[in-house]
Protein backbone atom coordinates (compact mmCIF):
# COMPACT_ATOMS: atom_id res chain seq x y z
CA MET A 1 -0.06 -0.29 -0.21
CA ASP A 2 1.45 3.51 -0.95
CA ALA A 3 2.79 5.20 2.16
CA GLN A 4 0.67 8.39 1.60
CA VAL A 5 -2.93 6.38 1.48
CA LYS A 6 -1.72 4.19 4.39
CA LYS A 7 -1.10 7.30 6.41
CA GLY A 8 -4.39 8.71 5.93
CA LEU A 9 -5.98 5.50 6.95
CA VAL A 10 -3.95 4.41 9.85
CA ASP A 11 -5.81 6.90 12.37
CA ILE A 12 -9.22 5.64 11.36
CA CYS A 13 -8.28 1.79 11.57
CA VAL A 14 -6.79 2.48 15.24
CA LEU A 15 -9.95 4.44 16.01
CA ALA A 16 -11.97 1.43 14.28
CA SER A 17 -10.14 -0.96 16.42
CA LEU A 18 -10.43 0.73 19.62
CA SER A 19 -14.39 1.26 18.87
CA ARG A 20 -14.47 -2.59 19.36
CA GLY A 21 -13.15 -2.41 22.73
CA ASP A 22 -10.30 -0.89 25.04
CA SER A 23 -7.00 -2.47 23.99
CA TYR A 24 -3.02 -2.10 23.67
CA GLY A 25 -0.40 -1.61 21.35
CA TRP A 26 0.38 -5.38 20.58
CA GLN A 27 -3.12 -6.31 20.35
CA ILE A 28 -3.90 -3.24 18.21
CA ILE A 29 -1.13 -4.04 15.76
CA LYS A 30 -2.45 -7.47 15.71
CA ASP A 31 -5.96 -6.73 15.30
CA ILE A 32 -4.95 -3.98 12.37
CA GLY A 33 -2.72 -6.51 10.99
CA THR A 34 -5.56 -8.27 9.17
CA VAL A 35 -5.94 -5.34 6.76
CA MET A 36 -2.65 -3.51 6.84
CA GLU A 37 1.05 -3.80 7.99
CA LEU A 38 1.77 -1.70 11.06
CA SER A 39 4.64 -1.71 13.32
CA GLU A 40 5.12 -0.39 16.62
CA SER A 41 7.21 2.53 15.39
CA THR A 42 3.91 3.56 13.43
CA LEU A 43 1.35 2.89 15.83
CA TYR A 44 2.78 4.86 19.09
CA PRO A 45 3.07 8.14 17.52
CA VAL A 46 -0.47 7.79 16.01
CA LEU A 47 -1.81 6.87 19.40
CA LYS A 48 0.07 9.91 20.97
CA ARG A 49 -1.34 12.23 18.08
CA LEU A 50 -4.98 10.57 18.75
CA GLU A 51 -4.03 11.58 22.38
CA ASN A 52 -3.47 14.67 22.08
CA ALA A 53 -6.75 15.16 19.75
CA LYS A 54 -8.81 14.03 22.63
CA LEU A 55 -9.92 11.15 20.35
CA VAL A 56 -8.48 8.29 22.49
CA ILE A 57 -7.77 8.37 26.24
CA THR A 58 -4.99 5.89 28.17
CA TYR A 59 -5.20 4.21 31.34
CA GLU A 60 -2.82 1.63 33.08
CA VAL A 61 -3.51 -1.72 34.38
CA PRO A 62 -1.14 -4.19 36.10
CA HIS A 63 -0.58 -6.99 34.16
CA ASN A 64 2.40 -9.76 34.89
CA GLY A 65 4.05 -7.57 37.33
CA ARG A 66 4.13 -4.14 35.43
CA LEU A 67 1.79 -1.92 34.02
CA ARG A 68 0.10 -2.28 30.88
CA ARG A 69 -1.09 0.64 29.18
CA TYR A 70 -4.91 0.61 27.58
CA PHE A 71 -6.32 2.82 25.00
CA GLN A 72 -10.00 3.81 24.92
CA ILE A 73 -11.88 5.86 22.14
CA THR A 74 -13.67 8.95 23.44
CA ASP A 75 -16.78 10.32 22.30
CA ASP A 76 -14.96 12.67 19.96
CA GLY A 77 -13.23 9.68 18.50
CA ARG A 78 -16.57 7.88 17.74
CA ASN A 79 -17.73 11.15 16.00
CA ARG A 80 -14.62 10.95 14.00
CA LEU A 81 -15.43 7.52 12.80
CA ARG A 82 -18.73 8.57 11.73
CA GLU A 83 -17.46 11.64 9.89
CA PHE A 84 -15.24 9.20 7.87
CA LYS A 85 -18.18 6.85 7.21
CA SER A 86 -20.03 9.75 5.68
CA GLU A 87 -16.86 10.93 3.81
CA GLN A 88 -16.84 7.24 2.12
CA GLU A 89 -19.34 8.33 -0.84
CA ALA A 90 -17.09 11.04 -1.91
CA ILE A 91 -14.14 8.41 -1.59
CA VAL A 92 -16.03 5.89 -3.48
CA ARG A 93 -16.60 8.18 -6.61
CA VAL A 94 -12.97 9.08 -6.53
CA HIS A 95 -11.86 5.45 -6.24
CA ARG A 96 -14.54 4.45 -9.24
CA TYR A 97 -13.23 7.14 -11.27
CA ILE A 98 -9.59 5.92 -10.94
CA LEU A 99 -10.74 2.31 -11.82
CA ASP A 100 -12.92 3.49 -14.75
CA ALA A 101 -9.51 5.24 -16.06
CA ILE A 102 -7.50 2.03 -15.77
CA ILE A 103 -10.06 -0.27 -17.24
CA ASP A 104 -10.44 2.36 -20.14
CA GLU A 105 -6.58 2.55 -20.62
CA GLY A 106 -6.75 -1.11 -22.29
CA GLU A 107 -9.75 -0.30 -24.56
CA GLU A 108 -9.42 1.48 -27.79
CA LYS A 109 -11.54 4.95 -27.97
């Protein structure tokens, strides 16, 4: 996947993952890994950015003698997901336009 396209989708994928329930870094990477490759070095700056934007909050829970940081989506984060969903119609139109150009490329005009 192109890096610029991926960059635009990672935040939304993280919010989508957290909309299913609170989670921690490794589990988020595993969950999102079903649709795109994601590394720790990519995830943690995204989580920090989402936290600064008040789209997620964090809390810590003891686990095997140490604290594990969990992330939870906020109401603002859920609103951002709803906004993304409403933007999909426009995105699909652009996608179809591009695909039509690729299909037409091989045909005589």
